[in-house]
Amino acid sequence: MTQEIFQSTVYSLKNEMFRFAKKFLMSADEAEDVVMDLMMKFWQKKEELLVVENLKSFAMRSVKNECLNRLKHHEVKLGFASQTKHTSELYQIETNNMKEQILGFISQLPDKQKMVIHLKDVEEYEISEIAGIMEMEENAVRVNLMRARQKVKESINKLYAYENRQIQGLGI
């Protein structure tokens, strides 16, 4: 594989890989490290990549695996959960930014659900592609996606119910 081919096929995926890693690790620096490490590994094994059937799926699966390894070895997982827990409900209400609130709810989901909802609703992958990336059956992807969306919906409903109680308590 020549450098030009590598750039047009593998290196062109770096932005998607970065977004996925960042969503997974909740750290731009850590995500950048993951992508750069993988790019170096891919370059070293560039000839082996020629036989990979779906390079995009392979790259995203590699990101997932690398992120899981880093979470295990560097205990970044602590930052994962605490990032949204440190944000109080009062702050969320004051910011009145639904997108941030939804992203906060998504970050509280179990890892599989978080990855599936990100790949489907943010990156807009098809169910079959997500199944390949996540190494899951398509039905398992659908179930995880449905559960993730349901949990996010429940969290939004709880937030609205909380806001309504606060407004009614003020006599507005």
C-alpha atoms as a PDB file:
ATOM      1  CA  MET A   1       0.000   0.000   0.000  1.00  0.00           C
ATOM      2  CA  THR A   2       1.452   3.333  -1.009  1.00  0.00           C
ATOM      3  CA  GLN A   3       1.332   6.459   1.126  1.00  0.00           C
ATOM      4  CA  GLU A   4      -1.267   8.001  -1.193  1.00  0.00           C
ATOM      5  CA  ILE A   5      -3.549   4.982  -0.949  1.00  0.00           C
ATOM      6  CA  PHE A   6      -3.104   4.889   2.834  1.00  0.00           C
ATOM      7  CA  GLN A   7      -4.064   8.570   3.080  1.00  0.00           C
ATOM      8  CA  SER A   8      -7.139   8.190   0.891  1.00  0.00           C
ATOM      9  CA  THR A   9      -8.410   5.013   2.538  1.00  0.00           C
ATOM     10  CA  VAL A  10      -7.210   4.828   6.143  1.00  0.00           C
ATOM     11  CA  TYR A  11      -6.099   8.311   7.138  1.00  0.00           C
ATOM     12  CA  SER A  12      -9.311   9.800   5.719  1.00  0.00           C
ATOM     13  CA  LEU A  13     -11.194   8.019   8.549  1.00  0.00           C
ATOM     14  CA  LYS A  14      -9.304   9.890  11.286  1.00  0.00           C
ATOM     15  CA  ASN A  15     -12.058  12.442  11.990  1.00  0.00           C
ATOM     16  CA  GLU A  16     -14.736   9.798  12.484  1.00  0.00           C
ATOM     17  CA  MET A  17     -12.342   7.753  14.592  1.00  0.00           C
ATOM     18  CA  PHE A  18     -11.567  10.819  16.715  1.00  0.00           C
ATOM     19  CA  ARG A  19     -15.239  11.671  17.303  1.00  0.00           C
ATOM     20  CA  PHE A  20     -15.992   8.092  18.332  1.00  0.00           C
ATOM     21  CA  ALA A  21     -12.993   7.899  20.654  1.00  0.00           C
ATOM     22  CA  LYS A  22     -13.810  11.301  22.165  1.00  0.00           C
ATOM     23  CA  LYS A  23     -17.380  10.249  22.850  1.00  0.00           C
ATOM     24  CA  PHE A  24     -16.136   7.054  24.389  1.00  0.00           C
ATOM     25  CA  LEU A  25     -13.338   8.537  26.518  1.00  0.00           C
ATOM     26  CA  MET A  26     -14.824  12.016  27.123  1.00  0.00           C
ATOM     27  CA  SER A  27     -11.396  13.527  26.539  1.00  0.00           C
ATOM     28  CA  ALA A  28     -10.163  15.136  23.338  1.00  0.00           C
ATOM     29  CA  ASP A  29      -6.513  14.595  24.283  1.00  0.00           C
ATOM     30  CA  GLU A  30      -7.036  10.918  25.051  1.00  0.00           C
ATOM     31  CA  ALA A  31      -9.061  10.497  21.841  1.00  0.00           C
ATOM     32  CA  GLU A  32      -6.322  12.130  19.798  1.00  0.00           C
ATOM     33  CA  ASP A  33      -3.783   9.754  21.341  1.00  0.00           C
ATOM     34  CA  VAL A  34      -5.959   6.767  20.453  1.00  0.00           C
ATOM     35  CA  VAL A  35      -6.304   7.858  16.826  1.00  0.00           C
ATOM     36  CA  MET A  36      -2.601   8.600  16.419  1.00  0.00           C
ATOM     37  CA  ASP A  37      -1.603   5.282  18.023  1.00  0.00           C
ATOM     38  CA  LEU A  38      -3.967   3.427  15.721  1.00  0.00           C
ATOM     39  CA  MET A  39      -2.728   5.299  12.663  1.00  0.00           C
ATOM     40  CA  MET A  40       0.831   4.252  13.508  1.00  0.00           C
ATOM     41  CA  LYS A  41      -0.289   0.636  13.975  1.00  0.00           C
ATOM     42  CA  PHE A  42      -2.254   0.756  10.724  1.00  0.00           C
ATOM     43  CA  TRP A  43       0.756   2.162   8.859  1.00  0.00           C
ATOM     44  CA  GLN A  44       2.975  -0.588  10.233  1.00  0.00           C
ATOM     45  CA  LYS A  45       0.455  -3.195   9.062  1.00  0.00           C
ATOM     46  CA  LYS A  46      -0.578  -1.411   5.877  1.00  0.00           C
ATOM     47  CA  GLU A  47      -0.092  -4.506   3.708  1.00  0.00           C
ATOM     48  CA  GLU A  48      -2.411  -6.534   5.950  1.00  0.00           C
ATOM     49  CA  LEU A  49      -5.080  -3.828   5.596  1.00  0.00           C
ATOM     50  CA  LEU A  50      -5.323  -4.539   1.872  1.00  0.00           C
ATOM     51  CA  VAL A  51      -7.299  -7.714   2.593  1.00  0.00           C
ATOM     52  CA  VAL A  52      -9.681  -6.135   5.100  1.00  0.00           C
ATOM     53  CA  GLU A  53     -13.165  -6.278   3.598  1.00  0.00           C
ATOM     54  CA  ASN A  54     -14.718  -3.260   5.341  1.00  0.00           C
ATOM     55  CA  LEU A  55     -11.930  -0.899   6.353  1.00  0.00           C
ATOM     56  CA  LYS A  56     -14.238   1.657   7.984  1.00  0.00           C
ATOM     57  CA  SER A  57     -15.816  -0.976  10.206  1.00  0.00           C
ATOM     58  CA  PHE A  58     -12.384  -2.391  11.045  1.00  0.00           C
ATOM     59  CA  ALA A  59     -11.070   1.063  11.989  1.00  0.00           C
ATOM     60  CA  MET A  60     -14.042   1.847  14.220  1.00  0.00           C
ATOM     61  CA  ARG A  61     -13.824  -1.555  15.903  1.00  0.00           C
ATOM     62  CA  SER A  62     -10.128  -0.872  16.506  1.00  0.00           C
ATOM     63  CA  VAL A  63     -11.036   2.461  18.120  1.00  0.00           C
ATOM     64  CA  LYS A  64     -13.569   0.731  20.358  1.00  0.00           C
ATOM     65  CA  ASN A  65     -11.054  -1.914  21.437  1.00  0.00           C
ATOM     66  CA  GLU A  66      -8.280   0.620  22.030  1.00  0.00           C
ATOM     67  CA  CYS A  67     -10.605   2.793  24.099  1.00  0.00           C
ATOM     68  CA  LEU A  68     -11.675  -0.197  26.185  1.00  0.00           C
ATOM     69  CA  ASN A  69      -8.025  -1.061  26.786  1.00  0.00           C
ATOM     70  CA  ARG A  70      -7.258   2.481  27.878  1.00  0.00           C
ATOM     71  CA  LEU A  71     -10.268   2.562  30.162  1.00  0.00           C
ATOM     72  CA  LYS A  72      -9.088  -0.632  31.820  1.00  0.00           C
ATOM     73  CA  HIS A  73      -5.441   0.355  32.122  1.00  0.00           C
ATOM     74  CA  HIS A  74      -5.659   4.064  32.849  1.00  0.00           C
ATOM     75  CA  GLU A  75      -8.884   4.090  34.855  1.00  0.00           C
ATOM     76  CA  VAL A  76     -10.264   6.877  32.728  1.00  0.00           C
ATOM     77  CA  LYS A  77     -13.638   5.362  33.513  1.00  0.00           C
ATOM     78  CA  LEU A  78     -13.737   7.367  36.746  1.00  0.00           C
ATOM     79  CA  GLY A  79     -13.772  10.583  34.739  1.00  0.00           C
ATOM     80  CA  PHE A  80     -16.534   9.115  32.566  1.00  0.00           C
ATOM     81  CA  ALA A  81     -19.099   8.817  35.306  1.00  0.00           C
ATOM     82  CA  SER A  82     -18.062  11.796  37.355  1.00  0.00           C
ATOM     83  CA  GLN A  83     -18.130  14.237  34.458  1.00  0.00           C
ATOM     84  CA  THR A  84     -21.893  14.334  34.267  1.00  0.00           C
ATOM     85  CA  LYS A  85     -22.540  13.602  37.931  1.00  0.00           C
ATOM     86  CA  HIS A  86     -20.675  16.754  38.934  1.00  0.00           C
ATOM     87  CA  THR A  87     -23.132  18.713  36.852  1.00  0.00           C
ATOM     88  CA  SER A  88     -26.062  19.415  39.116  1.00  0.00           C
ATOM     89  CA  GLU A  89     -29.673  19.396  37.988  1.00  0.00           C
ATOM     90  CA  LEU A  90     -29.813  23.094  38.834  1.00  0.00           C
ATOM     91  CA  TYR A  91     -26.942  23.807  36.438  1.00  0.00           C
ATOM     92  CA  GLN A  92     -28.615  21.757  33.718  1.00  0.00           C
ATOM     93  CA  ILE A  93     -31.847  23.693  34.153  1.00  0.00           C
ATOM     94  CA  GLU A  94     -30.025  27.023  34.182  1.00  0.00           C
ATOM     95  CA  THR A  95     -28.134  26.289  30.983  1.00  0.00           C
ATOM     96  CA  ASN A  96     -31.397  25.374  29.252  1.00  0.00           C
ATOM     97  CA  ASN A  97     -29.398  23.583  26.604  1.00  0.00           C
ATOM     98  CA  MET A  98     -31.243  20.438  25.636  1.00  0.00           C
ATOM     99  CA  LYS A  99     -28.402  19.129  23.469  1.00  0.00           C
ATOM    100  CA  GLU A 100     -25.975  19.227  26.382  1.00  0.00           C
ATOM    101  CA  GLN A 101     -28.539  17.623  28.651  1.00  0.00           C
ATOM    102  CA  ILE A 102     -29.148  14.815  26.179  1.00  0.00           C
ATOM    103  CA  LEU A 103     -25.403  14.255  25.746  1.00  0.00           C
ATOM    104  CA  GLY A 104     -25.146  14.123  29.543  1.00  0.00           C
ATOM    105  CA  PHE A 105     -27.893  11.508  29.699  1.00  0.00           C
ATOM    106  CA  ILE A 106     -26.173   9.504  26.958  1.00  0.00           C
ATOM    107  CA  SER A 107     -22.847   9.616  28.805  1.00  0.00           C
ATOM    108  CA  GLN A 108     -24.536   7.979  31.811  1.00  0.00           C
ATOM    109  CA  LEU A 109     -25.623   4.973  29.758  1.00  0.00           C
ATOM    110  CA  PRO A 110     -23.835   1.617  29.953  1.00  0.00           C
ATOM    111  CA  ASP A 111     -20.889   1.406  27.539  1.00  0.00           C
ATOM    112  CA  LYS A 112     -22.580  -0.724  24.860  1.00  0.00           C
ATOM    113  CA  GLN A 113     -25.684   1.457  24.779  1.00  0.00           C
ATOM    114  CA  LYS A 114     -23.567   4.599  24.710  1.00  0.00           C
ATOM    115  CA  MET A 115     -21.532   3.351  21.760  1.00  0.00           C
ATOM    116  CA  VAL A 116     -24.555   2.078  19.824  1.00  0.00           C
ATOM    117  CA  ILE A 117     -26.567   5.294  20.212  1.00  0.00           C
ATOM    118  CA  HIS A 118     -23.520   7.369  19.249  1.00  0.00           C
ATOM    119  CA  LEU A 119     -22.781   5.310  16.144  1.00  0.00           C
ATOM    120  CA  LYS A 120     -26.432   5.301  15.035  1.00  0.00           C
ATOM    121  CA  ASP A 121     -27.708   8.755  15.984  1.00  0.00           C
ATOM    122  CA  VAL A 122     -24.532  10.845  15.783  1.00  0.00           C
ATOM    123  CA  GLU A 123     -22.341   9.112  13.205  1.00  0.00           C
ATOM    124  CA  GLU A 124     -25.405   7.789  11.302  1.00  0.00           C
ATOM    125  CA  TYR A 125     -24.111   4.265  10.730  1.00  0.00           C
ATOM    126  CA  GLU A 126     -26.487   1.548   9.582  1.00  0.00           C
ATOM    127  CA  ILE A 127     -27.437  -1.223  12.022  1.00  0.00           C
ATOM    128  CA  SER A 128     -25.411  -3.752  10.009  1.00  0.00           C
ATOM    129  CA  GLU A 129     -22.303  -1.534  10.158  1.00  0.00           C
ATOM    130  CA  ILE A 130     -22.713  -1.035  13.907  1.00  0.00           C
ATOM    131  CA  ALA A 131     -23.058  -4.801  14.344  1.00  0.00           C
ATOM    132  CA  GLY A 132     -19.724  -5.222  12.558  1.00  0.00           C
ATOM    133  CA  ILE A 133     -18.003  -2.504  14.568  1.00  0.00           C
ATOM    134  CA  MET A 134     -19.366  -3.714  17.898  1.00  0.00           C
ATOM    135  CA  GLU A 135     -19.015  -7.402  17.034  1.00  0.00           C
ATOM    136  CA  MET A 136     -22.650  -7.982  17.956  1.00  0.00           C
ATOM    137  CA  GLU A 137     -25.695  -9.479  16.270  1.00  0.00           C
ATOM    138  CA  GLU A 138     -27.916  -6.951  14.491  1.00  0.00           C
ATOM    139  CA  ASN A 139     -30.788  -7.758  16.856  1.00  0.00           C
ATOM    140  CA  ALA A 140     -28.543  -7.055  19.851  1.00  0.00           C
ATOM    141  CA  VAL A 141     -27.680  -3.682  18.309  1.00  0.00           C
ATOM    142  CA  ARG A 142     -31.370  -2.905  17.857  1.00  0.00           C
ATOM    143  CA  VAL A 143     -32.158  -3.918  21.450  1.00  0.00           C
ATOM    144  CA  ASN A 144     -29.296  -1.827  22.857  1.00  0.00           C
ATOM    145  CA  LEU A 145     -30.339   1.137  20.720  1.00  0.00           C
ATOM    146  CA  MET A 146     -33.966   0.836  21.826  1.00  0.00           C
ATOM    147  CA  ARG A 147     -32.955   0.603  25.502  1.00  0.00           C
ATOM    148  CA  ALA A 148     -30.564   3.529  25.197  1.00  0.00           C
ATOM    149  CA  ARG A 149     -33.181   5.738  23.570  1.00  0.00           C
ATOM    150  CA  GLN A 150     -35.749   4.701  26.175  1.00  0.00           C
ATOM    151  CA  LYS A 151     -33.396   5.598  29.048  1.00  0.00           C
ATOM    152  CA  VAL A 152     -32.617   8.971  27.485  1.00  0.00           C
ATOM    153  CA  LYS A 153     -36.340   9.591  26.999  1.00  0.00           C
ATOM    154  CA  GLU A 154     -37.045   8.692  30.651  1.00  0.00           C
ATOM    155  CA  SER A 155     -34.280  11.031  31.813  1.00  0.00           C
ATOM    156  CA  ILE A 156     -35.716  13.875  29.730  1.00  0.00           C
ATOM    157  CA  ASN A 157     -39.194  13.208  31.137  1.00  0.00           C
ATOM    158  CA  LYS A 158     -37.813  13.235  34.699  1.00  0.00           C
ATOM    159  CA  LEU A 159     -36.044  16.519  34.012  1.00  0.00           C
ATOM    160  CA  TYR A 160     -39.220  18.096  32.660  1.00  0.00           C
ATOM    161  CA  ALA A 161     -41.224  16.782  35.617  1.00  0.00           C
ATOM    162  CA  TYR A 162     -38.618  18.265  37.974  1.00  0.00           C
ATOM    163  CA  GLU A 163     -38.729  21.611  36.154  1.00  0.00           C
ATOM    164  CA  ASN A 164     -42.528  21.658  36.281  1.00  0.00           C
ATOM    165  CA  ARG A 165     -42.520  20.958  40.049  1.00  0.00           C
ATOM    166  CA  GLN A 166     -40.065  23.825  40.533  1.00  0.00           C
ATOM    167  CA  ILE A 167     -42.178  26.223  38.456  1.00  0.00           C
ATOM    168  CA  GLN A 168     -45.421  25.169  40.204  1.00  0.00           C
ATOM    169  CA  GLY A 169     -43.708  25.495  43.589  1.00  0.00           C
ATOM    170  CA  LEU A 170     -42.977  29.122  42.757  1.00  0.00           C
ATOM    171  CA  GLY A 171     -46.638  29.728  41.931  1.00  0.00           C
ATOM    172  CA  ILE A 172     -45.948  30.614  38.320  1.00  0.00           C
END
